[in-house]
Amino acid sequence: MRGILNRLIPYISKHGGTAYKGTVIAEDDTGTLKEWSIQIYAEMKNYDSNGWRLLVETKLNNPHSSVDIDNLAVFNRNLRQLDCDRRVHIGELYPIISQEAIDRANGVGSSNTFTDLFDPYDQ
């Protein structure tokens, strides 16, 4: 699954250590763009080896940008939660995506692609 990491907020986990709660814009089963949540824990065993540290550092160093990411796994489809088990692939940086841009991309006649989020007038 491909998505755009729009927000990332650090916090102290109740299990100890630093964790990050993120919001990812990705398609659901019907092809509609929705907000999904992701929890990234600095203590997880694949934090360094699967690119999660690089993703967190990239987003924290670019707070006014969204990060294009791929190879995401669904943890709970009904609650729109993503998992951190796979190796994440990090793409380009884009401006933060607003709810209006998501609504516009989901509108009638839209192809519901990520390009609709970045250039809604080129349709």
PDB file of N, CA and C in Angstrom:
ATOM      1  N   MET A   1       0.845  -1.171   0.000  1.00  0.00           N
ATOM      2  CA  MET A   1       0.000   0.000   0.000  1.00  0.00           C
ATOM      3  C   MET A   1       0.895   1.239   0.000  1.00  0.00           C
ATOM      4  N   ARG A   2       0.515   2.205  -0.789  1.00  0.00           N
ATOM      5  CA  ARG A   2       1.238   3.473  -0.868  1.00  0.00           C
ATOM      6  C   ARG A   2       0.467   4.539  -0.114  1.00  0.00           C
ATOM      7  N   GLY A   3       1.187   5.476   0.493  1.00  0.00           N
ATOM      8  CA  GLY A   3       0.539   6.552   1.231  1.00  0.00           C
ATOM      9  C   GLY A   3       1.437   7.767   1.347  1.00  0.00           C
ATOM     10  N   ILE A   4       0.874   8.796   1.948  1.00  0.00           N
ATOM     11  CA  ILE A   4       1.576  10.045   2.189  1.00  0.00           C
ATOM     12  C   ILE A   4       1.530  10.314   3.690  1.00  0.00           C
ATOM     13  N   LEU A   5       2.691  10.325   4.342  1.00  0.00           N
ATOM     14  CA  LEU A   5       2.752  10.636   5.766  1.00  0.00           C
ATOM     15  C   LEU A   5       2.592  12.137   5.914  1.00  0.00           C
ATOM     16  N   ASN A   6       1.436  12.547   6.433  1.00  0.00           N
ATOM     17  CA  ASN A   6       1.081  13.950   6.511  1.00  0.00           C
ATOM     18  C   ASN A   6       1.509  14.574   7.842  1.00  0.00           C
ATOM     19  N   ARG A   7       1.313  13.844   8.942  1.00  0.00           N
ATOM     20  CA  ARG A   7       1.643  14.352  10.277  1.00  0.00           C
ATOM     21  C   ARG A   7       2.358  13.271  11.065  1.00  0.00           C
ATOM     22  N   LEU A   8       3.235  13.697  11.976  1.00  0.00           N
ATOM     23  CA  LEU A   8       3.928  12.784  12.868  1.00  0.00           C
ATOM     24  C   LEU A   8       4.172  13.516  14.186  1.00  0.00           C
ATOM     25  N   ILE A   9       3.645  12.951  15.267  1.00  0.00           N
ATOM     26  CA  ILE A   9       3.732  13.587  16.577  1.00  0.00           C
ATOM     27  C   ILE A   9       4.443  12.650  17.540  1.00  0.00           C
ATOM     28  N   PRO A  10       5.564  13.093  18.136  1.00  0.00           N
ATOM     29  CA  PRO A  10       6.260  12.250  19.115  1.00  0.00           C
ATOM     30  C   PRO A  10       5.553  12.289  20.469  1.00  0.00           C
ATOM     31  N   TYR A  11       5.633  11.188  21.204  1.00  0.00           N
ATOM     32  CA  TYR A  11       5.099  11.128  22.569  1.00  0.00           C
ATOM     33  C   TYR A  11       5.845  10.039  23.323  1.00  0.00           C
ATOM     34  N   ILE A  12       5.671  10.008  24.639  1.00  0.00           N
ATOM     35  CA  ILE A  12       6.281   8.976  25.472  1.00  0.00           C
ATOM     36  C   ILE A  12       5.276   7.840  25.603  1.00  0.00           C
ATOM     37  N   SER A  13       5.675   6.655  25.193  1.00  0.00           N
ATOM     38  CA  SER A  13       4.801   5.489  25.230  1.00  0.00           C
ATOM     39  C   SER A  13       4.554   5.052  26.672  1.00  0.00           C
ATOM     40  N   LYS A  14       3.368   4.543  26.941  1.00  0.00           N
ATOM     41  CA  LYS A  14       3.076   4.020  28.275  1.00  0.00           C
ATOM     42  C   LYS A  14       3.891   2.767  28.569  1.00  0.00           C
ATOM     43  N   HIS A  15       4.469   2.166  27.535  1.00  0.00           N
ATOM     44  CA  HIS A  15       5.331   0.996  27.690  1.00  0.00           C
ATOM     45  C   HIS A  15       6.795   1.410  27.836  1.00  0.00           C
ATOM     46  N   GLY A  16       7.054   2.706  27.817  1.00  0.00           N
ATOM     47  CA  GLY A  16       8.405   3.223  27.945  1.00  0.00           C
ATOM     48  C   GLY A  16       9.006   3.567  26.601  1.00  0.00           C
ATOM     49  N   GLY A  17       9.791   4.608  26.564  1.00  0.00           N
ATOM     50  CA  GLY A  17      10.468   5.007  25.337  1.00  0.00           C
ATOM     51  C   GLY A  17       9.648   5.954  24.484  1.00  0.00           C
ATOM     52  N   THR A  18      10.281   6.402  23.430  1.00  0.00           N
ATOM     53  CA  THR A  18       9.648   7.341  22.508  1.00  0.00           C
ATOM     54  C   THR A  18       8.832   6.593  21.463  1.00  0.00           C
ATOM     55  N   ALA A  19       7.690   7.158  21.136  1.00  0.00           N
ATOM     56  CA  ALA A  19       6.834   6.614  20.083  1.00  0.00           C
ATOM     57  C   ALA A  19       6.335   7.790  19.237  1.00  0.00           C
ATOM     58  N   TYR A  20       5.793   7.476  18.075  1.00  0.00           N
ATOM     59  CA  TYR A  20       5.318   8.501  17.149  1.00  0.00           C
ATOM     60  C   TYR A  20       3.954   8.082  16.613  1.00  0.00           C
ATOM     61  N   LYS A  21       3.006   9.003  16.660  1.00  0.00           N
ATOM     62  CA  LYS A  21       1.686   8.766  16.082  1.00  0.00           C
ATOM     63  C   LYS A  21       1.628   9.547  14.783  1.00  0.00           C
ATOM     64  N   GLY A  22       1.321   8.839  13.711  1.00  0.00           N
ATOM     65  CA  GLY A  22       1.305   9.468  12.402  1.00  0.00           C
ATOM     66  C   GLY A  22      -0.046   9.373  11.716  1.00  0.00           C
ATOM     67  N   THR A  23      -0.264  10.294  10.786  1.00  0.00           N
ATOM     68  CA  THR A  23      -1.442  10.274   9.930  1.00  0.00           C
ATOM     69  C   THR A  23      -0.973  10.094   8.497  1.00  0.00           C
ATOM     70  N   VAL A  24      -1.496   9.057   7.848  1.00  0.00           N
ATOM     71  CA  VAL A  24      -1.126   8.717   6.473  1.00  0.00           C
ATOM     72  C   VAL A  24      -2.368   8.854   5.593  1.00  0.00           C
ATOM     73  N   ILE A  25      -2.222   9.504   4.457  1.00  0.00           N
ATOM     74  CA  ILE A  25      -3.298   9.590   3.466  1.00  0.00           C
ATOM     75  C   ILE A  25      -3.088   8.437   2.484  1.00  0.00           C
ATOM     76  N   ALA A  26      -4.090   7.555   2.401  1.00  0.00           N
ATOM     77  CA  ALA A  26      -3.994   6.397   1.510  1.00  0.00           C
ATOM     78  C   ALA A  26      -5.395   6.000   1.064  1.00  0.00           C
ATOM     79  N   GLU A  27      -5.470   5.152   0.043  1.00  0.00           N
ATOM     80  CA  GLU A  27      -6.757   4.704  -0.478  1.00  0.00           C
ATOM     81  C   GLU A  27      -7.330   3.576   0.372  1.00  0.00           C
ATOM     82  N   ASP A  28      -8.655   3.572   0.515  1.00  0.00           N
ATOM     83  CA  ASP A  28      -9.321   2.441   1.160  1.00  0.00           C
ATOM     84  C   ASP A  28      -9.704   1.425   0.086  1.00  0.00           C
ATOM     85  N   ASP A  29     -10.527   0.427   0.460  1.00  0.00           N
ATOM     86  CA  ASP A  29     -10.903  -0.643  -0.481  1.00  0.00           C
ATOM     87  C   ASP A  29     -11.663  -0.140  -1.700  1.00  0.00           C
ATOM     88  N   THR A  30     -12.346   0.995  -1.564  1.00  0.00           N
ATOM     89  CA  THR A  30     -13.149   1.518  -2.672  1.00  0.00           C
ATOM     90  C   THR A  30     -12.380   2.503  -3.533  1.00  0.00           C
ATOM     91  N   GLY A  31     -11.104   2.741  -3.195  1.00  0.00           N
ATOM     92  CA  GLY A  31     -10.306   3.685  -3.961  1.00  0.00           C
ATOM     93  C   GLY A  31     -10.443   5.119  -3.493  1.00  0.00           C
ATOM     94  N   THR A  32     -11.154   5.336  -2.381  1.00  0.00           N
ATOM     95  CA  THR A  32     -11.333   6.674  -1.828  1.00  0.00           C
ATOM     96  C   THR A  32     -10.162   6.999  -0.910  1.00  0.00           C
ATOM     97  N   LEU A  33      -9.623   8.204  -1.036  1.00  0.00           N
ATOM     98  CA  LEU A  33      -8.519   8.620  -0.170  1.00  0.00           C
ATOM     99  C   LEU A  33      -9.046   8.906   1.232  1.00  0.00           C
ATOM    100  N   LYS A  34      -8.402   8.324   2.233  1.00  0.00           N
ATOM    101  CA  LYS A  34      -8.802   8.469   3.636  1.00  0.00           C
ATOM    102  C   LYS A  34      -7.567   8.678   4.490  1.00  0.00           C
ATOM    103  N   GLU A  35      -7.797   9.142   5.725  1.00  0.00           N
ATOM    104  CA  GLU A  35      -6.722   9.233   6.698  1.00  0.00           C
ATOM    105  C   GLU A  35      -6.609   7.908   7.437  1.00  0.00           C
ATOM    106  N   TRP A  36      -5.396   7.368   7.510  1.00  0.00           N
ATOM    107  CA  TRP A  36      -5.082   6.153   8.252  1.00  0.00           C
ATOM    108  C   TRP A  36      -4.126   6.546   9.369  1.00  0.00           C
ATOM    109  N   SER A  37      -4.117   5.803  10.459  1.00  0.00           N
ATOM    110  CA  SER A  37      -3.184   6.090  11.549  1.00  0.00           C
ATOM    111  C   SER A  37      -2.080   5.040  11.576  1.00  0.00           C
ATOM    112  N   ILE A  38      -0.932   5.450  12.104  1.00  0.00           N
ATOM    113  CA  ILE A  38       0.202   4.548  12.256  1.00  0.00           C
ATOM    114  C   ILE A  38       0.917   4.897  13.555  1.00  0.00           C
ATOM    115  N   GLN A  39       1.356   3.881  14.274  1.00  0.00           N
ATOM    116  CA  GLN A  39       2.132   4.050  15.502  1.00  0.00           C
ATOM    117  C   GLN A  39       3.525   3.499  15.239  1.00  0.00           C
ATOM    118  N   ILE A  40       4.541   4.323  15.436  1.00  0.00           N
ATOM    119  CA  ILE A  40       5.927   3.906  15.222  1.00  0.00           C
ATOM    120  C   ILE A  40       6.644   4.003  16.565  1.00  0.00           C
ATOM    121  N   TYR A  41       7.203   2.889  17.002  1.00  0.00           N
ATOM    122  CA  TYR A  41       7.900   2.839  18.293  1.00  0.00           C
ATOM    123  C   TYR A  41       9.400   2.751  18.054  1.00  0.00           C
ATOM    124  N   ALA A  42      10.166   3.625  18.718  1.00  0.00           N
ATOM    125  CA  ALA A  42      11.620   3.636  18.559  1.00  0.00           C
ATOM    126  C   ALA A  42      12.252   2.344  19.084  1.00  0.00           C
ATOM    127  N   GLU A  43      11.560   1.631  19.981  1.00  0.00           N
ATOM    128  CA  GLU A  43      12.100   0.402  20.558  1.00  0.00           C
ATOM    129  C   GLU A  43      11.769  -0.856  19.745  1.00  0.00           C
ATOM    130  N   MET A  44      10.990  -0.726  18.672  1.00  0.00           N
ATOM    131  CA  MET A  44      10.658  -1.934  17.911  1.00  0.00           C
ATOM    132  C   MET A  44      11.907  -2.468  17.221  1.00  0.00           C
ATOM    133  N   LYS A  45      11.956  -3.775  17.058  1.00  0.00           N
ATOM    134  CA  LYS A  45      13.180  -4.433  16.583  1.00  0.00           C
ATOM    135  C   LYS A  45      13.573  -4.034  15.160  1.00  0.00           C
ATOM    136  N   ASN A  46      12.619  -3.638  14.331  1.00  0.00           N
ATOM    137  CA  ASN A  46      12.934  -3.288  12.945  1.00  0.00           C
ATOM    138  C   ASN A  46      12.982  -1.775  12.718  1.00  0.00           C
ATOM    139  N   TYR A  47      13.084  -0.994  13.791  1.00  0.00           N
ATOM    140  CA  TYR A  47      13.097   0.468  13.676  1.00  0.00           C
ATOM    141  C   TYR A  47      14.261   0.950  12.811  1.00  0.00           C
ATOM    142  N   ASP A  48      15.446   0.379  13.017  1.00  0.00           N
ATOM    143  CA  ASP A  48      16.626   0.782  12.234  1.00  0.00           C
ATOM    144  C   ASP A  48      16.732   0.029  10.916  1.00  0.00           C
ATOM    145  N   SER A  49      16.494  -1.277  10.946  1.00  0.00           N
ATOM    146  CA  SER A  49      16.759  -2.113   9.774  1.00  0.00           C
ATOM    147  C   SER A  49      15.743  -1.948   8.652  1.00  0.00           C
ATOM    148  N   ASN A  50      14.516  -1.543   8.959  1.00  0.00           N
ATOM    149  CA  ASN A  50      13.479  -1.460   7.925  1.00  0.00           C
ATOM    150  C   ASN A  50      13.143  -0.035   7.494  1.00  0.00           C
ATOM    151  N   GLY A  51      13.980   0.927   7.864  1.00  0.00           N
ATOM    152  CA  GLY A  51      13.806   2.287   7.362  1.00  0.00           C
ATOM    153  C   GLY A  51      12.883   3.177   8.178  1.00  0.00           C
ATOM    154  N   TRP A  52      12.359   2.683   9.288  1.00  0.00           N
ATOM    155  CA  TRP A  52      11.424   3.496  10.074  1.00  0.00           C
ATOM    156  C   TRP A  52      12.125   4.682  10.727  1.00  0.00           C
ATOM    157  N   ARG A  53      13.382   4.479  11.193  1.00  0.00           N
ATOM    158  CA  ARG A  53      14.130   5.597  11.775  1.00  0.00           C
ATOM    159  C   ARG A  53      14.338   6.689  10.730  1.00  0.00           C
ATOM    160  N   LEU A  54      14.715   6.313   9.519  1.00  0.00           N
ATOM    161  CA  LEU A  54      14.920   7.279   8.447  1.00  0.00           C
ATOM    162  C   LEU A  54      13.627   8.033   8.136  1.00  0.00           C
ATOM    163  N   LEU A  55      12.501   7.328   8.115  1.00  0.00           N
ATOM    164  CA  LEU A  55      11.213   7.974   7.872  1.00  0.00           C
ATOM    165  C   LEU A  55      10.904   8.995   8.964  1.00  0.00           C
ATOM    166  N   VAL A  56      11.074   8.601  10.225  1.00  0.00           N
ATOM    167  CA  VAL A  56      10.805   9.507  11.344  1.00  0.00           C
ATOM    168  C   VAL A  56      11.720  10.730  11.271  1.00  0.00           C
ATOM    169  N   GLU A  57      13.005  10.512  11.045  1.00  0.00           N
ATOM    170  CA  GLU A  57      13.951  11.628  10.960  1.00  0.00           C
ATOM    171  C   GLU A  57      13.629  12.547   9.790  1.00  0.00           C
ATOM    172  N   THR A  58      13.256  11.964   8.646  1.00  0.00           N
ATOM    173  CA  THR A  58      12.898  12.762   7.475  1.00  0.00           C
ATOM    174  C   THR A  58      11.702  13.649   7.774  1.00  0.00           C
ATOM    175  N   LYS A  59      10.667  13.075   8.380  1.00  0.00           N
ATOM    176  CA  LYS A  59       9.460  13.853   8.671  1.00  0.00           C
ATOM    177  C   LYS A  59       9.718  14.905   9.740  1.00  0.00           C
ATOM    178  N   LEU A  60      10.438  14.555  10.808  1.00  0.00           N
ATOM    179  CA  LEU A  60      10.706  15.525  11.873  1.00  0.00           C
ATOM    180  C   LEU A  60      11.607  16.663  11.388  1.00  0.00           C
ATOM    181  N   ASN A  61      12.507  16.377  10.456  1.00  0.00           N
ATOM    182  CA  ASN A  61      13.372  17.419   9.891  1.00  0.00           C
ATOM    183  C   ASN A  61      12.662  18.259   8.835  1.00  0.00           C
ATOM    184  N   ASN A  62      11.511  17.808   8.369  1.00  0.00           N
ATOM    185  CA  ASN A  62      10.720  18.528   7.353  1.00  0.00           C
ATOM    186  C   ASN A  62       9.268  18.612   7.821  1.00  0.00           C
ATOM    187  N   PRO A  63       9.002  19.338   8.911  1.00  0.00           N
ATOM    188  CA  PRO A  63       7.650  19.325   9.486  1.00  0.00           C
ATOM    189  C   PRO A  63       6.574  19.938   8.586  1.00  0.00           C
ATOM    190  N   HIS A  64       6.978  20.766   7.623  1.00  0.00           N
ATOM    191  CA  HIS A  64       6.000  21.401   6.740  1.00  0.00           C
ATOM    192  C   HIS A  64       5.877  20.678   5.410  1.00  0.00           C
ATOM    193  N   SER A  65       6.339  19.425   5.380  1.00  0.00           N
ATOM    194  CA  SER A  65       6.256  18.610   4.172  1.00  0.00           C
ATOM    195  C   SER A  65       5.622  17.264   4.490  1.00  0.00           C
ATOM    196  N   SER A  66       4.982  16.684   3.486  1.00  0.00           N
ATOM    197  CA  SER A  66       4.494  15.312   3.571  1.00  0.00           C
ATOM    198  C   SER A  66       5.528  14.400   2.929  1.00  0.00           C
ATOM    199  N   VAL A  67       5.582  13.149   3.374  1.00  0.00           N
ATOM    200  CA  VAL A  67       6.556  12.194   2.857  1.00  0.00           C
ATOM    201  C   VAL A  67       5.818  11.073   2.125  1.00  0.00           C
ATOM    202  N   ASP A  68       6.184  10.850   0.879  1.00  0.00           N
ATOM    203  CA  ASP A  68       5.623   9.761   0.074  1.00  0.00           C
ATOM    204  C   ASP A  68       6.254   8.450   0.556  1.00  0.00           C
ATOM    205  N   ILE A  69       5.417   7.481   0.971  1.00  0.00           N
ATOM    206  CA  ILE A  69       5.928   6.202   1.464  1.00  0.00           C
ATOM    207  C   ILE A  69       5.181   5.054   0.783  1.00  0.00           C
ATOM    208  N   ASP A  70       5.862   3.926   0.671  1.00  0.00           N
ATOM    209  CA  ASP A  70       5.276   2.766   0.008  1.00  0.00           C
ATOM    210  C   ASP A  70       5.610   1.511   0.802  1.00  0.00           C
ATOM    211  N   ASN A  71       4.911   0.435   0.494  1.00  0.00           N
ATOM    212  CA  ASN A  71       5.063  -0.871   1.119  1.00  0.00           C
ATOM    213  C   ASN A  71       4.490  -0.888   2.539  1.00  0.00           C
ATOM    214  N   LEU A  72       3.389  -0.178   2.725  1.00  0.00           N
ATOM    215  CA  LEU A  72       2.708  -0.177   4.016  1.00  0.00           C
ATOM    216  C   LEU A  72       1.788  -1.384   4.107  1.00  0.00           C
ATOM    217  N   ALA A  73       1.597  -1.882   5.322  1.00  0.00           N
ATOM    218  CA  ALA A  73       0.705  -3.016   5.560  1.00  0.00           C
ATOM    219  C   ALA A  73      -0.460  -2.565   6.429  1.00  0.00           C
ATOM    220  N   VAL A  74      -1.635  -3.126   6.176  1.00  0.00           N
ATOM    221  CA  VAL A  74      -2.823  -2.820   6.969  1.00  0.00           C
ATOM    222  C   VAL A  74      -2.801  -3.660   8.242  1.00  0.00           C
ATOM    223  N   PHE A  75      -2.989  -3.011   9.372  1.00  0.00           N
ATOM    224  CA  PHE A  75      -3.086  -3.702  10.662  1.00  0.00           C
ATOM    225  C   PHE A  75      -4.552  -3.971  10.994  1.00  0.00           C
ATOM    226  N   ASN A  76      -5.408  -2.947  10.866  1.00  0.00           N
ATOM    227  CA  ASN A  76      -6.839  -3.086  11.127  1.00  0.00           C
ATOM    228  C   ASN A  76      -7.581  -2.233  10.107  1.00  0.00           C
ATOM    229  N   ARG A  77      -8.209  -2.898   9.136  1.00  0.00           N
ATOM    230  CA  ARG A  77      -8.883  -2.189   8.042  1.00  0.00           C
ATOM    231  C   ARG A  77     -10.078  -1.379   8.533  1.00  0.00           C
ATOM    232  N   ASN A  78     -10.856  -1.911   9.464  1.00  0.00           N
ATOM    233  CA  ASN A  78     -12.039  -1.205   9.948  1.00  0.00           C
ATOM    234  C   ASN A  78     -11.688   0.086  10.683  1.00  0.00           C
ATOM    235  N   LEU A  79     -10.593   0.062  11.445  1.00  0.00           N
ATOM    236  CA  LEU A  79     -10.161   1.255  12.186  1.00  0.00           C
ATOM    237  C   LEU A  79      -9.161   2.098  11.392  1.00  0.00           C
ATOM    238  N   ARG A  80      -8.831   1.655  10.176  1.00  0.00           N
ATOM    239  CA  ARG A  80      -7.864   2.324   9.296  1.00  0.00           C
ATOM    240  C   ARG A  80      -6.530   2.539  10.017  1.00  0.00           C
ATOM    241  N   GLN A  81      -5.966   1.418  10.495  1.00  0.00           N
ATOM    242  CA  GLN A  81      -4.672   1.432  11.165  1.00  0.00           C
ATOM    243  C   GLN A  81      -3.652   0.681  10.318  1.00  0.00           C
ATOM    244  N   LEU A  82      -2.459   1.236  10.231  1.00  0.00           N
ATOM    245  CA  LEU A  82      -1.379   0.622   9.465  1.00  0.00           C
ATOM    246  C   LEU A  82      -0.362  -0.018  10.397  1.00  0.00           C
ATOM    247  N   ASP A  83       0.394  -0.975   9.868  1.00  0.00           N
ATOM    248  CA  ASP A  83       1.364  -1.743  10.628  1.00  0.00           C
ATOM    249  C   ASP A  83       2.787  -1.336  10.227  1.00  0.00           C
ATOM    250  N   CYS A  84       3.741  -1.604  11.093  1.00  0.00           N
ATOM    251  CA  CYS A  84       5.151  -1.262  10.838  1.00  0.00           C
ATOM    252  C   CYS A  84       6.020  -2.497  10.657  1.00  0.00           C
ATOM    253  N   ASP A  85       5.460  -3.605  10.204  1.00  0.00           N
ATOM    254  CA  ASP A  85       6.228  -4.840  10.074  1.00  0.00           C
ATOM    255  C   ASP A  85       7.110  -4.882   8.833  1.00  0.00           C
ATOM    256  N   ARG A  86       6.720  -4.229   7.773  1.00  0.00           N
ATOM    257  CA  ARG A  86       7.459  -4.299   6.511  1.00  0.00           C
ATOM    258  C   ARG A  86       8.542  -3.229   6.432  1.00  0.00           C
ATOM    259  N   ARG A  87       9.446  -3.430   5.473  1.00  0.00           N
ATOM    260  CA  ARG A  87      10.459  -2.411   5.172  1.00  0.00           C
ATOM    261  C   ARG A  87       9.765  -1.289   4.407  1.00  0.00           C
ATOM    262  N   VAL A  88       9.822  -0.087   4.946  1.00  0.00           N
ATOM    263  CA  VAL A  88       9.153   1.053   4.325  1.00  0.00           C
ATOM    264  C   VAL A  88      10.049   1.641   3.236  1.00  0.00           C
ATOM    265  N   HIS A  89       9.442   2.057   2.135  1.00  0.00           N
ATOM    266  CA  HIS A  89      10.157   2.710   1.040  1.00  0.00           C
ATOM    267  C   HIS A  89       9.781   4.184   1.062  1.00  0.00           C
ATOM    268  N   ILE A  90      10.785   5.039   1.156  1.00  0.00           N
ATOM    269  CA  ILE A  90      10.560   6.477   1.293  1.00  0.00           C
ATOM    270  C   ILE A  90      10.771   7.149  -0.054  1.00  0.00           C
ATOM    271  N   GLY A  91       9.805   7.975  -0.435  1.00  0.00           N
ATOM    272  CA  GLY A  91       9.882   8.694  -1.700  1.00  0.00           C
ATOM    273  C   GLY A  91      10.160  10.173  -1.493  1.00  0.00           C
ATOM    274  N   GLU A  92       9.511  10.997  -2.273  1.00  0.00           N
ATOM    275  CA  GLU A  92       9.757  12.430  -2.280  1.00  0.00           C
ATOM    276  C   GLU A  92       8.994  13.156  -1.184  1.00  0.00           C
ATOM    277  N   LEU A  93       9.367  14.422  -0.979  1.00  0.00           N
ATOM    278  CA  LEU A  93       8.659  15.311  -0.061  1.00  0.00           C
ATOM    279  C   LEU A  93       7.696  16.177  -0.863  1.00  0.00           C
ATOM    280  N   TYR A  94       6.521  16.441  -0.284  1.00  0.00           N
ATOM    281  CA  TYR A  94       5.504  17.277  -0.900  1.00  0.00           C
ATOM    282  C   TYR A  94       4.962  18.242   0.142  1.00  0.00           C
ATOM    283  N   PRO A  95       4.271  19.295  -0.273  1.00  0.00           N
ATOM    284  CA  PRO A  95       3.617  20.163   0.712  1.00  0.00           C
ATOM    285  C   PRO A  95       2.579  19.367   1.515  1.00  0.00           C
ATOM    286  N   ILE A  96       2.300  19.814   2.728  1.00  0.00           N
ATOM    287  CA  ILE A  96       1.273  19.174   3.563  1.00  0.00           C
ATOM    288  C   ILE A  96      -0.043  19.166   2.798  1.00  0.00           C
ATOM    289  N   ILE A  97      -0.739  18.051   2.858  1.00  0.00           N
ATOM    290  CA  ILE A  97      -1.994  17.885   2.118  1.00  0.00           C
ATOM    291  C   ILE A  97      -3.161  18.289   3.013  1.00  0.00           C
ATOM    292  N   SER A  98      -3.973  19.204   2.545  1.00  0.00           N
ATOM    293  CA  SER A  98      -5.115  19.685   3.322  1.00  0.00           C
ATOM    294  C   SER A  98      -6.324  18.768   3.119  1.00  0.00           C
ATOM    295  N   GLN A  99      -7.282  18.878   4.024  1.00  0.00           N
ATOM    296  CA  GLN A  99      -8.521  18.116   3.885  1.00  0.00           C
ATOM    297  C   GLN A  99      -9.262  18.526   2.609  1.00  0.00           C
ATOM    298  N   GLU A 100      -9.171  19.794   2.231  1.00  0.00           N
ATOM    299  CA  GLU A 100      -9.822  20.264   1.003  1.00  0.00           C
ATOM    300  C   GLU A 100      -9.234  19.566  -0.223  1.00  0.00           C
ATOM    301  N   ALA A 101      -7.914  19.363  -0.223  1.00  0.00           N
ATOM    302  CA  ALA A 101      -7.278  18.677  -1.349  1.00  0.00           C
ATOM    303  C   ALA A 101      -7.716  17.221  -1.415  1.00  0.00           C
ATOM    304  N   ILE A 102      -7.871  16.585  -0.248  1.00  0.00           N
ATOM    305  CA  ILE A 102      -8.348  15.199  -0.212  1.00  0.00           C
ATOM    306  C   ILE A 102      -9.774  15.129  -0.745  1.00  0.00           C
ATOM    307  N   ASP A 103     -10.632  16.048  -0.289  1.00  0.00           N
ATOM    308  CA  ASP A 103     -12.017  16.080  -0.755  1.00  0.00           C
ATOM    309  C   ASP A 103     -12.083  16.325  -2.258  1.00  0.00           C
ATOM    310  N   ARG A 104     -11.228  17.212  -2.757  1.00  0.00           N
ATOM    311  CA  ARG A 104     -11.208  17.516  -4.192  1.00  0.00           C
ATOM    312  C   ARG A 104     -10.770  16.284  -4.986  1.00  0.00           C
ATOM    313  N   ALA A 105      -9.767  15.551  -4.488  1.00  0.00           N
ATOM    314  CA  ALA A 105      -9.294  14.344  -5.174  1.00  0.00           C
ATOM    315  C   ALA A 105     -10.350  13.243  -5.157  1.00  0.00           C
ATOM    316  N   ASN A 106     -11.191  13.217  -4.116  1.00  0.00           N
ATOM    317  CA  ASN A 106     -12.249  12.219  -4.022  1.00  0.00           C
ATOM    318  C   ASN A 106     -13.508  12.626  -4.767  1.00  0.00           C
ATOM    319  N   GLY A 107     -13.518  13.808  -5.378  1.00  0.00           N
ATOM    320  CA  GLY A 107     -14.709  14.340  -6.029  1.00  0.00           C
ATOM    321  C   GLY A 107     -15.098  13.602  -7.289  1.00  0.00           C
ATOM    322  N   VAL A 108     -16.246  13.967  -7.817  1.00  0.00           N
ATOM    323  CA  VAL A 108     -16.770  13.364  -9.036  1.00  0.00           C
ATOM    324  C   VAL A 108     -15.822  13.651 -10.190  1.00  0.00           C
ATOM    325  N   GLY A 109     -15.511  12.637 -10.954  1.00  0.00           N
ATOM    326  CA  GLY A 109     -14.639  12.787 -12.111  1.00  0.00           C
ATOM    327  C   GLY A 109     -13.165  12.661 -11.784  1.00  0.00           C
ATOM    328  N   SER A 110     -12.854  12.466 -10.519  1.00  0.00           N
ATOM    329  CA  SER A 110     -11.458  12.321 -10.123  1.00  0.00           C
ATOM    330  C   SER A 110     -11.010  10.887 -10.376  1.00  0.00           C
ATOM    331  N   SER A 111      -9.732  10.738 -10.663  1.00  0.00           N
ATOM    332  CA  SER A 111      -9.187   9.393 -10.850  1.00  0.00           C
ATOM    333  C   SER A 111      -8.672   8.814  -9.539  1.00  0.00           C
ATOM    334  N   ASN A 112      -8.793   9.580  -8.423  1.00  0.00           N
ATOM    335  CA  ASN A 112      -8.368   9.133  -7.098  1.00  0.00           C
ATOM    336  C   ASN A 112      -6.924   8.675  -7.063  1.00  0.00           C
ATOM    337  N   THR A 113      -6.058   9.378  -7.747  1.00  0.00           N
ATOM    338  CA  THR A 113      -4.641   9.062  -7.678  1.00  0.00           C
ATOM    339  C   THR A 113      -3.947  10.106  -6.821  1.00  0.00           C
ATOM    340  N   PHE A 114      -2.736   9.783  -6.395  1.00  0.00           N
ATOM    341  CA  PHE A 114      -1.993  10.728  -5.577  1.00  0.00           C
ATOM    342  C   PHE A 114      -1.673  12.003  -6.339  1.00  0.00           C
ATOM    343  N   THR A 115      -1.597  11.924  -7.675  1.00  0.00           N
ATOM    344  CA  THR A 115      -1.308  13.136  -8.443  1.00  0.00           C
ATOM    345  C   THR A 115      -2.440  14.139  -8.301  1.00  0.00           C
ATOM    346  N   ASP A 116      -3.664  13.670  -8.050  1.00  0.00           N
ATOM    347  CA  ASP A 116      -4.776  14.589  -7.821  1.00  0.00           C
ATOM    348  C   ASP A 116      -4.544  15.438  -6.577  1.00  0.00           C
ATOM    349  N   LEU A 117      -3.809  14.905  -5.619  1.00  0.00           N
ATOM    350  CA  LEU A 117      -3.530  15.659  -4.397  1.00  0.00           C
ATOM    351  C   LEU A 117      -2.548  16.787  -4.640  1.00  0.00           C
ATOM    352  N   PHE A 118      -1.631  16.603  -5.572  1.00  0.00           N
ATOM    353  CA  PHE A 118      -0.569  17.571  -5.758  1.00  0.00           C
ATOM    354  C   PHE A 118      -0.858  18.583  -6.849  1.00  0.00           C
ATOM    355  N   ASP A 119      -1.641  18.216  -7.855  1.00  0.00           N
ATOM    356  CA  ASP A 119      -1.975  19.145  -8.927  1.00  0.00           C
ATOM    357  C   ASP A 119      -3.423  18.916  -9.349  1.00  0.00           C
ATOM    358  N   PRO A 120      -4.383  19.421  -8.549  1.00  0.00           N
ATOM    359  CA  PRO A 120      -5.787  19.152  -8.852  1.00  0.00           C
ATOM    360  C   PRO A 120      -6.277  19.810 -10.131  1.00  0.00           C
ATOM    361  N   TYR A 121      -5.523  20.777 -10.684  1.00  0.00           N
ATOM    362  CA  TYR A 121      -5.969  21.461 -11.885  1.00  0.00           C
ATOM    363  C   TYR A 121      -5.510  20.771 -13.159  1.00  0.00           C
ATOM    364  N   ASP A 122      -4.653  19.767 -13.019  1.00  0.00           N
ATOM    365  CA  ASP A 122      -4.126  19.045 -14.182  1.00  0.00           C
ATOM    366  C   ASP A 122      -4.907  17.750 -14.365  1.00  0.00           C
ATOM    367  N   GLN A 123      -6.201  17.874 -14.624  1.00  0.00           N
ATOM    368  CA  GLN A 123      -7.064  16.694 -14.757  1.00  0.00           C
ATOM    369  C   GLN A 123      -7.768  16.704 -16.090  1.00  0.00           C
TER     370      GLN A 123
END
